[in-house]
């Protein structure tokens, strides 16, 4: 790819002699490498005559999106900032890419991720310290890793609310929001676990905790 200096050299030589072959010979003598092709030299010359510049210009052409479309996308996410672009696409009758482009490039909205945390009570600090001390002693056992079982659960509320970890809030700035989760409504727990050699579950529980009856 030719540098700006090399393009300028070709342009000046061609303006002087109007011969591509002469330009190529002069280029090879000057820079000691293969010259640009005929098409490139002529293109640079035409570009300079037409625009007065050899620089590549960034395209400013953008799809002409109606104001009503941008407005409808904004109003939709102002009403419900937790809404996904897929859902907004269905509600507004617009392609998902159009919704996303309007949010990010025209409205300058960003998806802020909510971190789901558990409230810490005063009595929890002592329990956490005790757990850390116990674990530090346990890891000294070479067979300890083989005894570990990692588990997790997902909670599905009968109201339709799902306890998930990919909540997003769309906005122009971080909302610093706090979302209260339903912890004691009627729900179904799905539990599974994994050890070094085995998978457990999934198990389904209808009670508030995984100590309830299996279904």
N, C-alpha and C. Protein backbone atom coordinates (compact mmCIF):
# COMPACT_ATOMS: atom_id res chain seq x y z
N UNK A 1 0.84 -1.20 0.00
CA UNK A 1 0.00 0.00 0.00
C UNK A 1 0.88 1.25 0.00
N UNK A 2 0.62 2.16 -0.93
CA UNK A 2 1.45 3.36 -1.07
C UNK A 2 1.20 4.33 0.07
N UNK A 3 2.28 4.99 0.49
CA UNK A 3 2.16 6.02 1.52
C UNK A 3 1.70 7.33 0.88
N UNK A 4 1.37 8.30 1.72
CA UNK A 4 0.95 9.61 1.22
C UNK A 4 2.08 10.27 0.42
N UNK A 5 3.31 10.10 0.91
CA UNK A 5 4.45 10.69 0.22
C UNK A 5 4.63 10.07 -1.17
N UNK A 6 4.46 8.75 -1.27
CA UNK A 6 4.60 8.07 -2.55
C UNK A 6 3.49 8.46 -3.52
N UNK A 7 2.28 8.62 -2.98
CA UNK A 7 1.17 9.06 -3.84
C UNK A 7 1.43 10.47 -4.37
N UNK A 8 1.93 11.33 -3.49
CA UNK A 8 2.22 12.71 -3.91
C UNK A 8 3.30 12.73 -4.99
N UNK A 9 4.30 11.88 -4.85
CA UNK A 9 5.37 11.80 -5.86
C UNK A 9 4.79 11.41 -7.22
N UNK A 10 3.94 10.38 -7.23
CA UNK A 10 3.33 9.93 -8.49
C UNK A 10 2.46 11.02 -9.09
N UNK A 11 1.73 11.73 -8.23
CA UNK A 11 0.84 12.79 -8.70
C UNK A 11 1.63 13.91 -9.38
N UNK A 12 2.71 14.36 -8.74
CA UNK A 12 3.51 15.44 -9.30
C UNK A 12 4.20 15.02 -10.59
N UNK A 13 4.69 13.79 -10.64
CA UNK A 13 5.35 13.30 -11.85
C UNK A 13 4.36 13.20 -13.01
N UNK A 14 3.15 12.71 -12.70
CA UNK A 14 2.16 12.56 -13.77
C UNK A 14 1.68 13.93 -14.27
N UNK A 15 1.56 14.89 -13.34
CA UNK A 15 1.16 16.24 -13.75
C UNK A 15 2.23 16.88 -14.64
N UNK A 16 3.49 16.47 -14.46
CA UNK A 16 4.58 17.03 -15.24
C UNK A 16 4.70 16.41 -16.63
N UNK A 17 4.52 15.06 -16.70
CA UNK A 17 4.81 14.39 -17.97
C UNK A 17 3.60 13.72 -18.62
N UNK A 18 2.52 13.52 -17.88
CA UNK A 18 1.30 12.88 -18.40
C UNK A 18 1.57 11.48 -18.96
N UNK A 19 2.55 10.78 -18.41
CA UNK A 19 2.90 9.43 -18.87
C UNK A 19 3.01 8.50 -17.67
N UNK A 20 2.17 7.48 -17.63
CA UNK A 20 2.20 6.54 -16.51
C UNK A 20 3.51 5.77 -16.48
N UNK A 21 4.01 5.36 -17.65
CA UNK A 21 5.26 4.61 -17.72
C UNK A 21 6.42 5.43 -17.17
N UNK A 22 6.46 6.71 -17.55
CA UNK A 22 7.52 7.59 -17.04
C UNK A 22 7.43 7.74 -15.53
N UNK A 23 6.20 7.84 -15.03
CA UNK A 23 5.99 7.95 -13.57
C UNK A 23 6.50 6.69 -12.87
N UNK A 24 6.17 5.52 -13.43
CA UNK A 24 6.60 4.27 -12.81
C UNK A 24 8.12 4.12 -12.79
N UNK A 25 8.78 4.54 -13.88
CA UNK A 25 10.24 4.46 -13.91
C UNK A 25 10.86 5.40 -12.88
N UNK A 26 10.31 6.61 -12.79
CA UNK A 26 10.83 7.58 -11.82
C UNK A 26 10.60 7.09 -10.38
N UNK A 27 9.47 6.46 -10.16
CA UNK A 27 9.14 5.92 -8.83
C UNK A 27 10.14 4.83 -8.43
N UNK A 28 10.47 3.94 -9.37
CA UNK A 28 11.40 2.85 -9.07
C UNK A 28 12.79 3.38 -8.77
N UNK A 29 13.21 4.43 -9.49
CA UNK A 29 14.52 5.04 -9.22
C UNK A 29 14.53 5.72 -7.85
N UNK A 30 13.42 6.36 -7.50
CA UNK A 30 13.36 7.14 -6.26
C UNK A 30 13.26 6.24 -5.02
N UNK A 31 12.42 5.22 -5.09
CA UNK A 31 12.14 4.42 -3.89
C UNK A 31 12.73 3.01 -3.94
N UNK A 32 13.25 2.58 -5.08
CA UNK A 32 13.90 1.28 -5.18
C UNK A 32 12.97 0.11 -4.98
N UNK A 33 11.72 0.24 -5.37
CA UNK A 33 10.78 -0.88 -5.27
C UNK A 33 9.79 -0.80 -6.42
N UNK A 34 8.96 -1.83 -6.54
CA UNK A 34 8.01 -1.88 -7.64
C UNK A 34 7.02 -0.72 -7.55
N UNK A 35 6.76 -0.06 -8.66
CA UNK A 35 5.86 1.11 -8.65
C UNK A 35 4.40 0.69 -8.59
N UNK A 36 3.52 1.63 -8.27
CA UNK A 36 2.08 1.36 -8.28
C UNK A 36 1.62 1.05 -9.70
N UNK A 37 0.48 0.37 -9.81
CA UNK A 37 -0.04 0.03 -11.13
C UNK A 37 -0.65 1.27 -11.80
N UNK A 38 -0.92 1.13 -13.08
CA UNK A 38 -1.47 2.23 -13.87
C UNK A 38 -2.79 2.72 -13.30
N UNK A 39 -3.67 1.77 -12.93
CA UNK A 39 -5.00 2.14 -12.42
C UNK A 39 -4.90 3.00 -11.15
N UNK A 40 -3.97 2.65 -10.26
CA UNK A 40 -3.83 3.41 -9.02
C UNK A 40 -3.35 4.82 -9.28
N UNK A 41 -2.36 4.97 -10.16
CA UNK A 41 -1.82 6.30 -10.46
C UNK A 41 -2.90 7.20 -11.06
N UNK A 42 -3.66 6.66 -12.01
CA UNK A 42 -4.71 7.45 -12.64
C UNK A 42 -5.83 7.77 -11.65
N UNK A 43 -6.14 6.81 -10.77
CA UNK A 43 -7.19 7.06 -9.78
C UNK A 43 -6.79 8.17 -8.82
N UNK A 44 -5.54 8.15 -8.36
CA UNK A 44 -5.07 9.21 -7.48
C UNK A 44 -5.12 10.56 -8.18
N UNK A 45 -4.77 10.60 -9.44
CA UNK A 45 -4.77 11.86 -10.19
C UNK A 45 -6.19 12.40 -10.33
N UNK A 46 -7.12 11.50 -10.68
CA UNK A 46 -8.52 11.95 -10.81
C UNK A 46 -9.08 12.40 -9.47
N UNK A 47 -8.73 11.70 -8.41
CA UNK A 47 -9.21 12.06 -7.08
C UNK A 47 -8.71 13.44 -6.67
N UNK A 48 -7.44 13.70 -6.96
CA UNK A 48 -6.88 15.00 -6.59
C UNK A 48 -7.51 16.13 -7.41
N UNK A 49 -7.74 15.86 -8.69
CA UNK A 49 -8.37 16.89 -9.53
C UNK A 49 -9.80 17.17 -9.07
N UNK A 50 -10.48 16.12 -8.61
CA UNK A 50 -11.89 16.29 -8.22
C UNK A 50 -12.09 16.84 -6.83
N UNK A 51 -11.19 16.49 -5.90
CA UNK A 51 -11.41 16.86 -4.49
C UNK A 51 -10.30 17.74 -3.93
N UNK A 52 -9.13 17.78 -4.61
CA UNK A 52 -8.01 18.55 -4.08
C UNK A 52 -7.32 17.86 -2.93
N UNK A 53 -7.57 16.57 -2.77
CA UNK A 53 -7.00 15.84 -1.64
C UNK A 53 -6.77 14.38 -2.03
N UNK A 54 -5.74 13.78 -1.45
CA UNK A 54 -5.46 12.36 -1.68
C UNK A 54 -5.89 11.50 -0.50
N UNK A 55 -6.43 12.12 0.53
CA UNK A 55 -6.83 11.38 1.74
C UNK A 55 -8.13 10.63 1.49
N UNK A 56 -8.25 9.48 2.17
CA UNK A 56 -9.51 8.75 2.12
C UNK A 56 -10.50 9.42 3.04
N UNK A 57 -11.65 9.72 2.52
CA UNK A 57 -12.68 10.37 3.32
C UNK A 57 -13.64 9.33 3.88
N UNK A 58 -13.95 9.49 5.16
CA UNK A 58 -14.91 8.59 5.78
C UNK A 58 -16.30 8.87 5.23
N UNK A 59 -16.98 7.82 4.97
CA UNK A 59 -18.34 7.95 4.46
C UNK A 59 -19.26 8.52 5.52
N UNK A 60 -20.01 9.54 5.16
CA UNK A 60 -20.97 10.14 6.09
C UNK A 60 -22.40 9.73 5.77
N UNK A 61 -22.53 8.85 4.77
CA UNK A 61 -23.87 8.42 4.39
C UNK A 61 -24.44 7.49 5.45
N UNK A 62 -25.56 7.85 5.97
CA UNK A 62 -26.26 7.01 6.94
C UNK A 62 -27.69 6.80 6.47
N UNK A 63 -28.24 5.64 6.81
CA UNK A 63 -29.64 5.44 6.44
C UNK A 63 -30.51 6.54 7.04
N UNK A 64 -31.43 7.02 6.25
CA UNK A 64 -32.31 8.09 6.70
C UNK A 64 -33.41 7.50 7.57
N UNK A 65 -33.15 7.44 8.88
CA UNK A 65 -34.11 6.87 9.81
C UNK A 65 -35.12 7.95 10.19
N UNK A 66 -36.40 7.70 10.03
CA UNK A 66 -37.41 8.70 10.38
C UNK A 66 -37.33 9.07 11.86
N UNK A 67 -37.65 10.32 12.15
CA UNK A 67 -37.64 10.80 13.53
C UNK A 67 -38.61 10.00 14.39
N UNK A 68 -39.73 9.60 13.80
CA UNK A 68 -40.73 8.85 14.55
C UNK A 68 -40.17 7.51 15.03
N UNK A 69 -39.30 6.89 14.22
CA UNK A 69 -38.71 5.61 14.60
C UNK A 69 -37.78 5.78 15.80
N UNK A 70 -36.92 6.79 15.73
CA UNK A 70 -36.00 7.06 16.84
C UNK A 70 -36.79 7.39 18.11
N UNK A 71 -37.84 8.17 17.95
CA UNK A 71 -38.66 8.57 19.10
C UNK A 71 -39.35 7.37 19.73
N UNK A 72 -39.88 6.48 18.89
CA UNK A 72 -40.59 5.31 19.42
C UNK A 72 -39.64 4.38 20.17
N UNK A 73 -38.40 4.23 19.67
CA UNK A 73 -37.42 3.39 20.36
C UNK A 73 -37.07 4.00 21.71
N UNK A 74 -36.87 5.32 21.73
CA UNK A 74 -36.52 5.98 22.98
C UNK A 74 -37.64 5.85 24.01
N UNK A 75 -38.86 6.12 23.60
CA UNK A 75 -39.99 6.04 24.53
C UNK A 75 -40.17 4.62 25.06
N UNK A 76 -39.92 3.64 24.20
CA UNK A 76 -40.07 2.25 24.62
C UNK A 76 -39.11 1.89 25.74
N UNK A 77 -37.86 2.35 25.65
CA UNK A 77 -36.86 1.99 26.66
C UNK A 77 -36.89 2.93 27.86
N UNK A 78 -37.45 4.12 27.71
CA UNK A 78 -37.66 4.98 28.87
C UNK A 78 -38.74 4.38 29.77
N UNK A 79 -39.79 3.84 29.14
CA UNK A 79 -40.86 3.19 29.91
C UNK A 79 -40.37 1.91 30.57
N UNK A 80 -39.56 1.15 29.85
CA UNK A 80 -39.12 -0.15 30.35
C UNK A 80 -37.64 -0.34 30.04
N UNK A 81 -36.74 0.24 30.86
CA UNK A 81 -35.30 0.17 30.57
C UNK A 81 -34.72 -1.23 30.65
N UNK A 82 -35.44 -2.17 31.26
CA UNK A 82 -34.93 -3.53 31.40
C UNK A 82 -35.30 -4.39 30.19
N UNK A 83 -36.00 -3.81 29.26
CA UNK A 83 -36.47 -4.54 28.08
C UNK A 83 -35.30 -4.94 27.18
N UNK A 84 -35.41 -6.10 26.53
CA UNK A 84 -34.38 -6.54 25.59
C UNK A 84 -34.66 -5.97 24.21
N UNK A 85 -33.62 -5.91 23.38
CA UNK A 85 -33.81 -5.41 22.02
C UNK A 85 -34.68 -6.37 21.19
N UNK A 86 -34.66 -7.65 21.54
CA UNK A 86 -35.50 -8.62 20.84
C UNK A 86 -36.97 -8.33 21.11
N UNK A 87 -37.29 -8.09 22.37
CA UNK A 87 -38.69 -7.79 22.74
C UNK A 87 -39.13 -6.48 22.12
N UNK A 88 -38.27 -5.46 22.18
CA UNK A 88 -38.61 -4.17 21.58
C UNK A 88 -38.82 -4.30 20.08
N UNK A 89 -38.03 -5.15 19.45
CA UNK A 89 -38.19 -5.38 18.01
C UNK A 89 -39.57 -5.92 17.69
N UNK A 90 -40.05 -6.87 18.50
CA UNK A 90 -41.39 -7.44 18.28
C UNK A 90 -42.47 -6.40 18.55
N UNK A 91 -42.32 -5.64 19.62
CA UNK A 91 -43.36 -4.67 19.99
C UNK A 91 -43.46 -3.52 18.98
N UNK A 92 -42.33 -3.06 18.48
CA UNK A 92 -42.31 -1.90 17.59
C UNK A 92 -42.42 -2.29 16.11
N UNK A 93 -42.28 -3.58 15.82
CA UNK A 93 -42.33 -4.01 14.42
C UNK A 93 -41.12 -3.56 13.63
N UNK A 94 -39.97 -3.50 14.29
CA UNK A 94 -38.72 -3.06 13.64
C UNK A 94 -37.69 -4.19 13.71
N UNK A 95 -36.75 -4.23 12.75
CA UNK A 95 -35.67 -5.21 12.85
C UNK A 95 -34.86 -4.98 14.12
N UNK A 96 -34.37 -6.04 14.73
CA UNK A 96 -33.59 -5.91 15.95
C UNK A 96 -32.36 -5.02 15.74
N UNK A 97 -31.71 -5.14 14.57
CA UNK A 97 -30.53 -4.33 14.29
C UNK A 97 -30.88 -2.85 14.27
N UNK A 98 -32.07 -2.50 13.77
CA UNK A 98 -32.51 -1.10 13.75
C UNK A 98 -32.69 -0.59 15.17
N UNK A 99 -33.29 -1.40 16.03
CA UNK A 99 -33.48 -1.02 17.44
C UNK A 99 -32.13 -0.80 18.10
N UNK A 100 -31.21 -1.74 17.91
CA UNK A 100 -29.89 -1.66 18.54
C UNK A 100 -29.12 -0.43 18.04
N UNK A 101 -29.16 -0.18 16.72
CA UNK A 101 -28.44 0.95 16.14
C UNK A 101 -28.97 2.27 16.68
N UNK A 102 -30.29 2.39 16.78
CA UNK A 102 -30.86 3.62 17.33
C UNK A 102 -30.50 3.81 18.79
N UNK A 103 -30.49 2.74 19.56
CA UNK A 103 -30.13 2.84 20.97
C UNK A 103 -28.68 3.28 21.15
N UNK A 104 -27.76 2.63 20.46
CA UNK A 104 -26.35 2.86 20.69
C UNK A 104 -25.80 4.08 19.97
N UNK A 105 -26.17 4.28 18.70
CA UNK A 105 -25.52 5.30 17.88
C UNK A 105 -26.28 6.62 17.82
N UNK A 106 -27.58 6.57 17.96
CA UNK A 106 -28.36 7.81 17.87
C UNK A 106 -28.79 8.31 19.24
N UNK A 107 -29.24 7.41 20.10
CA UNK A 107 -29.69 7.81 21.43
C UNK A 107 -28.58 7.70 22.47
N UNK A 108 -27.48 7.02 22.12
CA UNK A 108 -26.32 6.86 23.01
C UNK A 108 -26.70 6.17 24.32
N UNK A 109 -27.60 5.20 24.22
CA UNK A 109 -27.94 4.37 25.38
C UNK A 109 -26.89 3.27 25.52
N UNK A 110 -26.67 2.84 26.75
CA UNK A 110 -25.76 1.73 27.01
C UNK A 110 -26.47 0.69 27.88
N UNK A 111 -26.11 -0.59 27.71
CA UNK A 111 -26.71 -1.62 28.57
C UNK A 111 -25.91 -1.78 29.85
N UNK A 112 -26.48 -1.37 30.98
CA UNK A 112 -25.80 -1.49 32.26
C UNK A 112 -26.23 -2.78 32.94
N UNK A 113 -25.25 -3.58 33.31
CA UNK A 113 -25.53 -4.88 33.92
C UNK A 113 -25.76 -4.72 35.41
N UNK A 114 -26.83 -5.33 35.91
CA UNK A 114 -27.10 -5.32 37.33
C UNK A 114 -26.42 -6.53 37.97
N UNK A 115 -25.68 -6.28 39.01
CA UNK A 115 -25.02 -7.36 39.74
C UNK A 115 -25.94 -7.80 40.87
N UNK A 116 -26.34 -9.07 40.82
CA UNK A 116 -27.24 -9.59 41.83
C UNK A 116 -26.44 -9.97 43.08
N UNK A 117 -26.78 -9.35 44.19
CA UNK A 117 -26.07 -9.57 45.44
C UNK A 117 -27.03 -10.03 46.53
N UNK A 118 -26.48 -10.71 47.52
CA UNK A 118 -27.27 -11.14 48.68
C UNK A 118 -26.99 -10.19 49.83
N UNK A 119 -28.03 -9.79 50.52
CA UNK A 119 -27.86 -8.88 51.64
C UNK A 119 -27.05 -9.55 52.75
N UNK A 120 -26.09 -8.81 53.29
CA UNK A 120 -25.24 -9.32 54.37
C UNK A 120 -25.76 -8.79 55.70
N UNK A 121 -26.06 -9.71 56.60
CA UNK A 121 -26.49 -9.34 57.95
C UNK A 121 -25.30 -9.34 58.90
N UNK A 122 -25.39 -8.64 60.04
CA UNK A 122 -24.25 -8.55 60.97
C UNK A 122 -23.71 -9.91 61.40
N UNK A 123 -24.60 -10.89 61.60
CA UNK A 123 -24.13 -12.20 62.06
C UNK A 123 -23.41 -13.00 60.97
N UNK A 124 -23.52 -12.54 59.72
CA UNK A 124 -22.89 -13.27 58.61
C UNK A 124 -21.37 -13.11 58.58
N UNK A 125 -20.85 -12.02 59.13
CA UNK A 125 -19.42 -11.77 59.05
C UNK A 125 -18.62 -12.83 59.80
N UNK A 126 -19.09 -13.19 61.00
CA UNK A 126 -18.41 -14.23 61.77
C UNK A 126 -18.46 -15.57 61.08
N UNK A 127 -19.60 -15.88 60.46
CA UNK A 127 -19.74 -17.15 59.76
C UNK A 127 -18.79 -17.21 58.56
N UNK A 128 -18.63 -16.10 57.87
CA UNK A 128 -17.74 -16.07 56.71
C UNK A 128 -16.28 -16.28 57.14
N UNK A 129 -15.90 -15.65 58.23
CA UNK A 129 -14.53 -15.81 58.72
C UNK A 129 -14.28 -17.26 59.12
N UNK A 130 -15.25 -17.84 59.81
CA UNK A 130 -15.13 -19.24 60.23
C UNK A 130 -15.00 -20.17 59.02
N UNK A 131 -15.77 -19.89 57.97
CA UNK A 131 -15.72 -20.71 56.77
C UNK A 131 -14.34 -20.62 56.10
N UNK A 132 -13.79 -19.40 56.04
CA UNK A 132 -12.47 -19.22 55.41
C UNK A 132 -11.39 -19.99 56.16
N UNK A 133 -11.44 -19.94 57.49
CA UNK A 133 -10.44 -20.66 58.29
C UNK A 133 -10.57 -22.16 58.07
N UNK A 134 -11.82 -22.65 58.04
CA UNK A 134 -12.05 -24.08 57.83
C UNK A 134 -11.54 -24.53 56.47
N UNK A 135 -11.79 -23.72 55.44
CA UNK A 135 -11.35 -24.08 54.09
C UNK A 135 -9.83 -24.05 53.96
N UNK A 136 -9.17 -23.10 54.61
CA UNK A 136 -7.71 -23.05 54.57
C UNK A 136 -7.09 -24.31 55.16
N UNK A 137 -7.71 -24.82 56.20
CA UNK A 137 -7.21 -26.05 56.81
C UNK A 137 -7.51 -27.25 55.92
N UNK A 138 -8.67 -27.23 55.24
CA UNK A 138 -9.09 -28.38 54.44
C UNK A 138 -8.23 -28.56 53.19
N UNK A 139 -7.80 -27.45 52.57
CA UNK A 139 -7.05 -27.56 51.31
C UNK A 139 -5.67 -28.18 51.49
N UNK A 140 -5.24 -28.33 52.73
CA UNK A 140 -3.96 -28.98 52.97
C UNK A 140 -4.05 -30.48 52.71
N UNK A 141 -5.26 -31.01 52.67
CA UNK A 141 -5.47 -32.42 52.36
C UNK A 141 -5.39 -32.60 50.85
N UNK A 142 -4.51 -33.48 50.37
CA UNK A 142 -4.31 -33.68 48.93
C UNK A 142 -5.56 -34.23 48.25
N UNK A 143 -6.38 -34.95 48.98
CA UNK A 143 -7.59 -35.54 48.40
C UNK A 143 -8.81 -34.64 48.54
N UNK A 144 -8.59 -33.43 49.01
CA UNK A 144 -9.74 -32.55 49.28
C UNK A 144 -10.51 -32.21 48.01
N UNK A 145 -9.81 -31.94 46.90
CA UNK A 145 -10.48 -31.55 45.65
C UNK A 145 -11.41 -32.64 45.15
N UNK A 146 -11.02 -33.90 45.37
CA UNK A 146 -11.85 -35.02 44.91
C UNK A 146 -13.14 -35.13 45.70
N UNK A 147 -13.17 -34.52 46.88
CA UNK A 147 -14.36 -34.59 47.72
C UNK A 147 -15.32 -33.42 47.49
N UNK A 148 -14.90 -32.45 46.70
CA UNK A 148 -15.73 -31.26 46.49
C UNK A 148 -16.90 -31.55 45.56
N UNK A 149 -18.02 -30.94 45.85
CA UNK A 149 -19.20 -30.98 44.99
C UNK A 149 -19.68 -29.55 44.79
N UNK A 150 -19.70 -29.09 43.55
CA UNK A 150 -20.15 -27.74 43.22
C UNK A 150 -21.62 -27.81 42.80
N UNK A 151 -22.43 -26.93 43.35
CA UNK A 151 -23.86 -26.97 43.04
C UNK A 151 -24.39 -25.57 42.76
N UNK A 152 -25.55 -25.53 42.13
CA UNK A 152 -26.22 -24.25 41.87
C UNK A 152 -27.69 -24.52 41.65
N UNK A 153 -28.47 -23.48 41.71
CA UNK A 153 -29.90 -23.62 41.52
C UNK A 153 -30.45 -22.43 40.74
N UNK A 154 -31.53 -22.66 40.02
CA UNK A 154 -32.25 -21.60 39.32
C UNK A 154 -33.67 -21.58 39.88
N UNK A 155 -34.21 -20.39 40.02
CA UNK A 155 -35.53 -20.23 40.63
C UNK A 155 -36.51 -19.68 39.61
N UNK A 156 -37.62 -20.36 39.45
CA UNK A 156 -38.67 -19.94 38.52
C UNK A 156 -39.92 -19.61 39.32
N UNK A 157 -40.31 -18.33 39.33
CA UNK A 157 -41.49 -17.89 40.07
C UNK A 157 -42.75 -18.18 39.27
N UNK A 158 -43.82 -18.52 39.97
CA UNK A 158 -45.09 -18.79 39.29
C UNK A 158 -45.66 -17.53 38.66
N UNK A 159 -45.19 -16.37 39.12
CA UNK A 159 -45.64 -15.11 38.54
C UNK A 159 -45.05 -14.87 37.16
N UNK A 160 -44.08 -15.71 36.76
CA UNK A 160 -43.44 -15.53 35.46
C UNK A 160 -42.06 -14.92 35.56
N UNK A 161 -41.70 -14.44 36.74
CA UNK A 161 -40.38 -13.82 36.92
C UNK A 161 -39.33 -14.91 37.07
N UNK A 162 -38.22 -14.80 36.34
CA UNK A 162 -37.15 -15.78 36.40
C UNK A 162 -35.95 -15.17 37.10
N UNK A 163 -35.38 -15.91 38.02
CA UNK A 163 -34.19 -15.45 38.73
C UNK A 163 -32.97 -15.73 37.85
N UNK A 164 -32.51 -14.73 37.10
CA UNK A 164 -31.39 -14.94 36.18
C UNK A 164 -30.28 -13.94 36.46
N UNK A 165 -29.16 -14.10 35.76
CA UNK A 165 -27.97 -13.30 36.06
C UNK A 165 -27.54 -12.42 34.89
N UNK A 166 -28.42 -12.15 33.96
CA UNK A 166 -28.04 -11.31 32.82
C UNK A 166 -29.00 -10.13 32.68
N UNK A 167 -29.39 -9.55 33.80
CA UNK A 167 -30.29 -8.40 33.78
C UNK A 167 -29.54 -7.18 33.24
N UNK A 168 -30.17 -6.43 32.35
CA UNK A 168 -29.59 -5.21 31.78
C UNK A 168 -30.58 -4.07 31.91
N UNK A 169 -30.06 -2.89 32.18
CA UNK A 169 -30.86 -1.67 32.17
C UNK A 169 -30.27 -0.74 31.13
N UNK A 170 -31.09 -0.31 30.16
CA UNK A 170 -30.62 0.60 29.12
C UNK A 170 -30.79 2.04 29.59
N UNK A 171 -29.75 2.86 29.38
CA UNK A 171 -29.84 4.26 29.75
C UNK A 171 -28.62 5.02 29.26
N UNK A 172 -28.69 6.35 29.33
CA UNK A 172 -27.56 7.18 28.91
C UNK A 172 -26.50 7.31 29.99
N UNK A 173 -26.84 6.91 31.22
CA UNK A 173 -25.87 6.92 32.31
C UNK A 173 -26.23 5.79 33.28
N UNK A 174 -25.25 5.41 34.10
CA UNK A 174 -25.45 4.31 35.03
C UNK A 174 -26.57 4.66 36.01
N UNK A 175 -27.65 3.87 36.05
CA UNK A 175 -28.78 4.21 36.91
C UNK A 175 -28.54 3.94 38.39
N UNK A 176 -27.48 3.20 38.72
CA UNK A 176 -27.21 2.82 40.12
C UNK A 176 -28.47 2.24 40.75
N UNK A 177 -29.13 1.39 40.01
CA UNK A 177 -30.45 0.90 40.43
C UNK A 177 -30.33 -0.28 41.37
N UNK A 178 -31.34 -0.43 42.21
CA UNK A 178 -31.49 -1.58 43.10
C UNK A 178 -32.80 -2.26 42.75
N UNK A 179 -32.74 -3.53 42.45
CA UNK A 179 -33.94 -4.28 42.08
C UNK A 179 -34.21 -5.31 43.16
N UNK A 180 -35.40 -5.25 43.73
CA UNK A 180 -35.80 -6.22 44.76
C UNK A 180 -36.29 -7.49 44.10
N UNK A 181 -35.74 -8.63 44.51
CA UNK A 181 -36.14 -9.91 43.95
C UNK A 181 -37.18 -10.58 44.83
N UNK A 182 -38.08 -11.31 44.21
CA UNK A 182 -39.07 -12.07 44.95
C UNK A 182 -38.39 -13.32 45.51
N UNK A 183 -38.32 -13.41 46.83
CA UNK A 183 -37.66 -14.56 47.44
C UNK A 183 -38.65 -15.51 48.10
N UNK A 184 -39.83 -15.03 48.41
CA UNK A 184 -40.76 -15.87 49.16
C UNK A 184 -42.09 -16.06 48.45
N UNK A 185 -42.14 -15.77 47.16
CA UNK A 185 -43.34 -16.06 46.39
C UNK A 185 -43.32 -17.53 45.99
N UNK A 186 -44.44 -18.04 45.51
CA UNK A 186 -44.51 -19.43 45.09
C UNK A 186 -43.61 -19.64 43.88
N UNK A 187 -42.81 -20.68 43.96
CA UNK A 187 -41.80 -20.85 42.92
C UNK A 187 -41.36 -22.30 42.83
N UNK A 188 -40.58 -22.57 41.78
CA UNK A 188 -40.01 -23.89 41.55
C UNK A 188 -38.49 -23.75 41.50
N UNK A 189 -37.81 -24.56 42.31
CA UNK A 189 -36.34 -24.57 42.31
C UNK A 189 -35.82 -25.72 41.46
N UNK A 190 -34.84 -25.42 40.62
CA UNK A 190 -34.16 -26.45 39.83
C UNK A 190 -32.71 -26.50 40.31
N UNK A 191 -32.32 -27.67 40.80
CA UNK A 191 -31.02 -27.83 41.44
C UNK A 191 -30.18 -28.87 40.70
N UNK A 192 -28.89 -28.60 40.56
CA UNK A 192 -27.97 -29.59 39.98
C UNK A 192 -26.60 -29.40 40.62
N UNK A 193 -25.76 -30.44 40.52
CA UNK A 193 -24.44 -30.38 41.14
C UNK A 193 -23.45 -31.17 40.29
N UNK A 194 -22.16 -30.95 40.59
CA UNK A 194 -21.10 -31.61 39.82
C UNK A 194 -19.90 -31.87 40.73
N UNK A 195 -19.38 -33.08 40.68
CA UNK A 195 -18.16 -33.42 41.41
C UNK A 195 -17.06 -33.72 40.41
N UNK A 196 -15.96 -34.20 40.89
CA UNK A 196 -14.84 -34.51 40.00
C UNK A 196 -15.17 -35.63 39.03
N UNK A 197 -16.10 -36.50 39.41
CA UNK A 197 -16.38 -37.68 38.58
C UNK A 197 -17.84 -37.84 38.20
N UNK A 198 -18.73 -36.96 38.66
CA UNK A 198 -20.15 -37.25 38.48
C UNK A 198 -20.97 -35.98 38.38
N UNK A 199 -22.09 -36.07 37.64
CA UNK A 199 -23.10 -35.02 37.59
C UNK A 199 -24.32 -35.45 38.38
N UNK A 200 -24.94 -34.53 39.09
CA UNK A 200 -26.12 -34.83 39.90
C UNK A 200 -27.29 -33.97 39.41
N UNK A 201 -28.41 -34.62 39.14
CA UNK A 201 -29.60 -33.86 38.77
C UNK A 201 -29.78 -33.74 37.27
N UNK A 202 -30.69 -32.84 36.87
CA UNK A 202 -31.32 -31.81 37.70
C UNK A 202 -32.46 -32.36 38.57
N UNK A 203 -32.66 -31.70 39.72
CA UNK A 203 -33.74 -32.03 40.64
C UNK A 203 -34.68 -30.84 40.73
N UNK A 204 -35.97 -31.11 40.88
CA UNK A 204 -36.98 -30.06 40.92
C UNK A 204 -37.65 -30.07 42.30
N UNK A 205 -37.73 -28.88 42.91
CA UNK A 205 -38.32 -28.74 44.24
C UNK A 205 -39.43 -27.69 44.18
N UNK A 206 -40.53 -28.00 44.86
CA UNK A 206 -41.67 -27.07 44.87
C UNK A 206 -41.70 -26.20 46.11
N UNK A 207 -40.77 -26.38 47.03
CA UNK A 207 -40.76 -25.60 48.26
C UNK A 207 -39.82 -24.40 48.13
N UNK A 208 -39.72 -23.63 49.20
CA UNK A 208 -38.89 -22.42 49.18
C UNK A 208 -37.40 -22.75 49.13
N UNK A 209 -37.03 -23.93 49.61
CA UNK A 209 -35.62 -24.31 49.60
C UNK A 209 -35.47 -25.67 48.97
N UNK A 210 -34.24 -26.08 48.73
CA UNK A 210 -33.99 -27.37 48.09
C UNK A 210 -34.14 -28.53 49.06
N UNK A 211 -34.62 -28.27 50.29
CA UNK A 211 -34.86 -29.36 51.25
C UNK A 211 -36.28 -29.87 51.14
N UNK A 212 -37.05 -29.33 50.20
CA UNK A 212 -38.44 -29.76 50.03
C UNK A 212 -38.52 -31.08 49.31
N UNK A 213 -39.77 -31.45 48.93
CA UNK A 213 -40.00 -32.73 48.26
C UNK A 213 -39.64 -32.66 46.79
N UNK A 214 -39.09 -33.75 46.28
CA UNK A 214 -38.76 -33.84 44.87
C UNK A 214 -40.02 -34.00 44.05
N UNK A 215 -39.98 -33.48 42.79
CA UNK A 215 -41.09 -33.69 41.86
C UNK A 215 -40.54 -34.31 40.59
